[in-house]
Amino acid sequence: MDTTDTLRVRLEPWAEGDFWLLRRTNSAEMTEHLGGPETEEQLEVRHRRYLTPGAGRMYRVALAQTGETVGSTGFWERAWRDTTVWETGWGVLPEFQGRGLAARAAREIVQAARDSGTHRYLHAFPDVGNDASNAVCRRVGFDLLGPVAVEYPKGHWITSNDWRIDLGRP
């Protein structure tokens, strides 16, 4: 079977009906490098934030051929080193991991951030121990700037790698 089309992804703007996806990505396995699962109330606040128009955008990641949901990604503003940049992150549901879908979604989110025309740089801050997310950054073409202390969630400091892509570069 040819899986080329099956493995292409598309980004669908976050919608009211996507709350179930926040619940799915809130497992101990999926939040291991993010400080652990959030409460139901925290998920509801996050969902409302994702639905509110503003700087940046959140997306549900779907397989292009079937429309099946495989994860989420987005970009949002962050104050970083005396400037404002875009930050990104992603999550692929466990049953879809290991197929290159996170890298495909990350390439799409780079283009979406570039198309916004707002900020020059897009950063990703995966935990230094998150081998999979660090590999995605490398594969997509982010430049590794080095380890940094990042607060996430609020009150919880982790050592992350600062990966950056210049959105002005083709």
C-alpha atoms as a PDB file:
ATOM      1  CA  MET A   1       0.000   0.000   0.000  1.00  0.00           C
ATOM      2  CA  ASP A   2       1.319   3.469  -0.894  1.00  0.00           C
ATOM      3  CA  THR A   3       1.211   5.625   2.249  1.00  0.00           C
ATOM      4  CA  THR A   4       2.544   8.856   0.709  1.00  0.00           C
ATOM      5  CA  ASP A   5      -0.873  10.587   0.691  1.00  0.00           C
ATOM      6  CA  THR A   6      -1.893   9.045   4.006  1.00  0.00           C
ATOM      7  CA  LEU A   7       1.126  10.580   5.721  1.00  0.00           C
ATOM      8  CA  ARG A   8       0.555  14.115   4.452  1.00  0.00           C
ATOM      9  CA  VAL A   9      -1.051  16.329   7.068  1.00  0.00           C
ATOM     10  CA  ARG A  10      -3.211  19.392   7.032  1.00  0.00           C
ATOM     11  CA  LEU A  11      -3.806  21.938   9.760  1.00  0.00           C
ATOM     12  CA  GLU A  12      -7.408  22.567  10.753  1.00  0.00           C
ATOM     13  CA  PRO A  13      -8.099  25.718  12.830  1.00  0.00           C
ATOM     14  CA  TRP A  14      -8.955  24.831  16.434  1.00  0.00           C
ATOM     15  CA  ALA A  15     -12.729  24.526  16.845  1.00  0.00           C
ATOM     16  CA  GLU A  16     -15.276  24.192  19.646  1.00  0.00           C
ATOM     17  CA  GLY A  17     -15.504  20.438  19.072  1.00  0.00           C
ATOM     18  CA  ASP A  18     -11.768  19.862  19.600  1.00  0.00           C
ATOM     19  CA  PHE A  19     -11.888  19.761  23.411  1.00  0.00           C
ATOM     20  CA  TRP A  20     -11.708  15.960  23.282  1.00  0.00           C
ATOM     21  CA  LEU A  21      -8.217  16.302  21.765  1.00  0.00           C
ATOM     22  CA  LEU A  22      -7.002  18.337  24.739  1.00  0.00           C
ATOM     23  CA  ARG A  23      -8.222  15.536  26.991  1.00  0.00           C
ATOM     24  CA  ARG A  24      -6.416  12.907  24.873  1.00  0.00           C
ATOM     25  CA  THR A  25      -3.131  14.827  24.932  1.00  0.00           C
ATOM     26  CA  ASN A  26      -3.408  15.370  28.697  1.00  0.00           C
ATOM     27  CA  SER A  27      -2.159  11.890  29.632  1.00  0.00           C
ATOM     28  CA  ALA A  28       0.919  11.313  31.780  1.00  0.00           C
ATOM     29  CA  GLU A  29       2.667   9.896  28.693  1.00  0.00           C
ATOM     30  CA  MET A  30       1.922  12.965  26.559  1.00  0.00           C
ATOM     31  CA  THR A  31       2.774  15.526  29.287  1.00  0.00           C
ATOM     32  CA  GLU A  32       5.892  13.851  30.674  1.00  0.00           C
ATOM     33  CA  HIS A  33       8.119  16.724  29.487  1.00  0.00           C
ATOM     34  CA  LEU A  34       5.546  19.443  30.217  1.00  0.00           C
ATOM     35  CA  GLY A  35       5.092  19.194  33.963  1.00  0.00           C
ATOM     36  CA  GLY A  36       2.378  16.525  33.937  1.00  0.00           C
ATOM     37  CA  PRO A  37      -1.359  16.475  33.251  1.00  0.00           C
ATOM     38  CA  GLU A  38      -3.541  19.523  33.821  1.00  0.00           C
ATOM     39  CA  THR A  39      -6.831  19.617  35.717  1.00  0.00           C
ATOM     40  CA  GLU A  40     -10.143  19.639  33.853  1.00  0.00           C
ATOM     41  CA  GLU A  41     -10.518  23.325  34.736  1.00  0.00           C
ATOM     42  CA  GLN A  42      -7.081  24.123  33.308  1.00  0.00           C
ATOM     43  CA  LEU A  43      -7.994  22.265  30.107  1.00  0.00           C
ATOM     44  CA  GLU A  44     -11.215  24.280  29.788  1.00  0.00           C
ATOM     45  CA  VAL A  45      -9.265  27.551  30.163  1.00  0.00           C
ATOM     46  CA  ARG A  46      -6.748  26.385  27.556  1.00  0.00           C
ATOM     47  CA  HIS A  47      -9.548  25.400  25.160  1.00  0.00           C
ATOM     48  CA  ARG A  48     -11.175  28.851  25.479  1.00  0.00           C
ATOM     49  CA  ARG A  49      -7.795  30.496  24.866  1.00  0.00           C
ATOM     50  CA  TYR A  50      -7.292  28.389  21.743  1.00  0.00           C
ATOM     51  CA  LEU A  51     -10.696  29.520  20.448  1.00  0.00           C
ATOM     52  CA  THR A  52     -10.139  33.227  21.140  1.00  0.00           C
ATOM     53  CA  PRO A  53      -8.793  35.203  18.183  1.00  0.00           C
ATOM     54  CA  GLY A  54      -5.472  36.833  18.911  1.00  0.00           C
ATOM     55  CA  ALA A  55      -1.807  36.682  18.093  1.00  0.00           C
ATOM     56  CA  GLY A  56      -0.966  33.213  16.864  1.00  0.00           C
ATOM     57  CA  ARG A  57      -3.170  30.260  16.149  1.00  0.00           C
ATOM     58  CA  MET A  58      -3.847  26.710  17.319  1.00  0.00           C
ATOM     59  CA  TYR A  59      -4.627  23.818  15.007  1.00  0.00           C
ATOM     60  CA  ARG A  60      -5.813  20.251  15.007  1.00  0.00           C
ATOM     61  CA  VAL A  61      -3.503  18.121  12.856  1.00  0.00           C
ATOM     62  CA  ALA A  62      -5.304  15.752  10.499  1.00  0.00           C
ATOM     63  CA  LEU A  63      -4.195  13.215   7.929  1.00  0.00           C
ATOM     64  CA  ALA A  64      -4.671  14.849   4.531  1.00  0.00           C
ATOM     65  CA  GLN A  65      -6.234  11.829   2.868  1.00  0.00           C
ATOM     66  CA  THR A  66      -8.645  10.659   5.569  1.00  0.00           C
ATOM     67  CA  GLY A  67      -9.150  13.695   7.820  1.00  0.00           C
ATOM     68  CA  GLU A  68      -8.369  11.546  10.861  1.00  0.00           C
ATOM     69  CA  THR A  69      -7.056  13.621  13.776  1.00  0.00           C
ATOM     70  CA  VAL A  70      -3.481  12.764  14.750  1.00  0.00           C
ATOM     71  CA  GLY A  71      -2.538  15.631  17.092  1.00  0.00           C
ATOM     72  CA  SER A  72      -2.291  19.376  17.570  1.00  0.00           C
ATOM     73  CA  THR A  73       0.126  22.218  16.957  1.00  0.00           C
ATOM     74  CA  GLY A  74       0.174  25.976  16.943  1.00  0.00           C
ATOM     75  CA  PHE A  75       2.155  29.147  17.381  1.00  0.00           C
ATOM     76  CA  TRP A  76       1.754  31.986  19.867  1.00  0.00           C
ATOM     77  CA  GLU A  77       3.593  35.100  20.974  1.00  0.00           C
ATOM     78  CA  ARG A  78       6.270  34.959  23.640  1.00  0.00           C
ATOM     79  CA  ALA A  79       8.494  37.647  25.107  1.00  0.00           C
ATOM     80  CA  TRP A  80      12.022  36.353  24.625  1.00  0.00           C
ATOM     81  CA  ARG A  81      15.325  38.117  25.162  1.00  0.00           C
ATOM     82  CA  ASP A  82      13.946  41.658  24.956  1.00  0.00           C
ATOM     83  CA  THR A  83      11.806  41.030  21.884  1.00  0.00           C
ATOM     84  CA  THR A  84       8.587  39.295  20.904  1.00  0.00           C
ATOM     85  CA  VAL A  85       8.853  36.065  18.941  1.00  0.00           C
ATOM     86  CA  TRP A  86       6.587  33.242  17.904  1.00  0.00           C
ATOM     87  CA  GLU A  87       6.795  30.050  19.930  1.00  0.00           C
ATOM     88  CA  THR A  88       5.555  26.686  18.715  1.00  0.00           C
ATOM     89  CA  GLY A  89       4.851  23.251  20.056  1.00  0.00           C
ATOM     90  CA  TRP A  90       3.133  20.081  18.915  1.00  0.00           C
ATOM     91  CA  GLY A  91       1.783  16.792  20.140  1.00  0.00           C
ATOM     92  CA  VAL A  92       1.009  13.625  18.195  1.00  0.00           C
ATOM     93  CA  LEU A  93      -1.318  11.040  19.697  1.00  0.00           C
ATOM     94  CA  PRO A  94       0.526   7.872  20.802  1.00  0.00           C
ATOM     95  CA  GLU A  95      -1.043   5.614  18.171  1.00  0.00           C
ATOM     96  CA  PHE A  96       0.311   7.892  15.407  1.00  0.00           C
ATOM     97  CA  GLN A  97       3.810   8.485  16.765  1.00  0.00           C
ATOM     98  CA  GLY A  98       6.904   7.246  14.960  1.00  0.00           C
ATOM     99  CA  ARG A  99       5.601   7.995  11.446  1.00  0.00           C
ATOM    100  CA  GLY A 100       7.115  11.446  10.888  1.00  0.00           C
ATOM    101  CA  LEU A 101       3.798  13.231  11.424  1.00  0.00           C
ATOM    102  CA  ALA A 102       5.163  15.671  14.023  1.00  0.00           C
ATOM    103  CA  ALA A 103       7.832  16.845  11.564  1.00  0.00           C
ATOM    104  CA  ARG A 104       5.222  17.219   8.828  1.00  0.00           C
ATOM    105  CA  ALA A 105       2.991  19.255  11.171  1.00  0.00           C
ATOM    106  CA  ALA A 106       5.978  21.341  12.307  1.00  0.00           C
ATOM    107  CA  ARG A 107       6.830  22.189   8.686  1.00  0.00           C
ATOM    108  CA  GLU A 108       3.230  23.316   8.179  1.00  0.00           C
ATOM    109  CA  ILE A 109       3.281  25.459  11.318  1.00  0.00           C
ATOM    110  CA  VAL A 110       6.554  27.095  10.238  1.00  0.00           C
ATOM    111  CA  GLN A 111       4.834  28.100   7.007  1.00  0.00           C
ATOM    112  CA  ALA A 112       1.744  29.364   8.855  1.00  0.00           C
ATOM    113  CA  ALA A 113       3.928  31.499  11.152  1.00  0.00           C
ATOM    114  CA  ARG A 114       5.889  32.749   8.129  1.00  0.00           C
ATOM    115  CA  ASP A 115       2.640  33.614   6.321  1.00  0.00           C
ATOM    116  CA  SER A 116       1.483  35.681   9.314  1.00  0.00           C
ATOM    117  CA  GLY A 117       4.275  38.150   8.511  1.00  0.00           C
ATOM    118  CA  THR A 118       4.353  39.261  12.139  1.00  0.00           C
ATOM    119  CA  HIS A 119       7.626  38.107  13.710  1.00  0.00           C
ATOM    120  CA  ARG A 120      10.981  37.182  12.221  1.00  0.00           C
ATOM    121  CA  TYR A 121      11.693  34.178  14.438  1.00  0.00           C
ATOM    122  CA  LEU A 122       9.834  31.058  15.503  1.00  0.00           C
ATOM    123  CA  HIS A 123      11.209  29.244  18.555  1.00  0.00           C
ATOM    124  CA  ALA A 124      10.574  25.807  20.013  1.00  0.00           C
ATOM    125  CA  PHE A 125      11.620  24.957  23.562  1.00  0.00           C
ATOM    126  CA  PRO A 126      11.504  21.177  24.032  1.00  0.00           C
ATOM    127  CA  ASP A 127      12.866  19.751  27.265  1.00  0.00           C
ATOM    128  CA  VAL A 128      16.493  18.666  26.749  1.00  0.00           C
ATOM    129  CA  GLY A 129      15.397  15.110  27.577  1.00  0.00           C
ATOM    130  CA  ASN A 130      12.618  15.062  24.971  1.00  0.00           C
ATOM    131  CA  ASP A 131      14.547  13.278  22.228  1.00  0.00           C
ATOM    132  CA  ALA A 132      11.568  13.053  19.874  1.00  0.00           C
ATOM    133  CA  SER A 133      10.743  16.785  19.884  1.00  0.00           C
ATOM    134  CA  ASN A 134      14.403  17.754  19.625  1.00  0.00           C
ATOM    135  CA  ALA A 135      14.709  15.446  16.601  1.00  0.00           C
ATOM    136  CA  VAL A 136      11.676  17.123  15.011  1.00  0.00           C
ATOM    137  CA  CYS A 137      13.323  20.533  15.404  1.00  0.00           C
ATOM    138  CA  ARG A 138      16.515  19.250  13.797  1.00  0.00           C
ATOM    139  CA  ARG A 139      14.636  17.575  10.919  1.00  0.00           C
ATOM    140  CA  VAL A 140      12.539  20.660  10.172  1.00  0.00           C
ATOM    141  CA  GLY A 141      15.558  22.974   9.995  1.00  0.00           C
ATOM    142  CA  PHE A 142      15.487  24.854  13.287  1.00  0.00           C
ATOM    143  CA  ASP A 143      18.881  26.071  14.502  1.00  0.00           C
ATOM    144  CA  LEU A 144      19.916  24.898  17.968  1.00  0.00           C
ATOM    145  CA  LEU A 145      20.879  27.932  20.068  1.00  0.00           C
ATOM    146  CA  GLY A 146      21.549  25.917  23.231  1.00  0.00           C
ATOM    147  CA  PRO A 147      20.001  25.002  26.575  1.00  0.00           C
ATOM    148  CA  VAL A 148      17.929  27.558  28.493  1.00  0.00           C
ATOM    149  CA  ALA A 149      15.810  27.646  31.633  1.00  0.00           C
ATOM    150  CA  VAL A 150      12.114  27.881  30.731  1.00  0.00           C
ATOM    151  CA  GLU A 151       9.162  28.181  33.089  1.00  0.00           C
ATOM    152  CA  TYR A 152       6.415  25.768  32.045  1.00  0.00           C
ATOM    153  CA  PRO A 153       3.926  25.384  33.444  1.00  0.00           C
ATOM    154  CA  LYS A 154       3.977  28.480  35.642  1.00  0.00           C
ATOM    155  CA  GLY A 155       6.054  27.798  38.728  1.00  0.00           C
ATOM    156  CA  HIS A 156       7.854  24.795  37.169  1.00  0.00           C
ATOM    157  CA  TRP A 157      11.319  25.421  35.683  1.00  0.00           C
ATOM    158  CA  ILE A 158      12.810  23.018  33.163  1.00  0.00           C
ATOM    159  CA  THR A 159      15.955  22.976  31.082  1.00  0.00           C
ATOM    160  CA  SER A 160      14.942  23.194  27.448  1.00  0.00           C
ATOM    161  CA  ASN A 161      16.758  23.523  24.181  1.00  0.00           C
ATOM    162  CA  ASP A 162      16.171  26.822  22.409  1.00  0.00           C
ATOM    163  CA  TRP A 163      15.569  25.995  18.739  1.00  0.00           C
ATOM    164  CA  ARG A 164      14.972  28.876  16.335  1.00  0.00           C
ATOM    165  CA  ILE A 165      14.032  29.210  12.700  1.00  0.00           C
ATOM    166  CA  ASP A 166      14.379  32.454  10.772  1.00  0.00           C
ATOM    167  CA  LEU A 167      11.015  33.029   9.093  1.00  0.00           C
ATOM    168  CA  GLY A 168      12.663  35.481   6.704  1.00  0.00           C
ATOM    169  CA  ARG A 169      14.637  32.602   5.173  1.00  0.00           C
ATOM    170  CA  PRO A 170      12.927  30.573   2.473  1.00  0.00           C
END
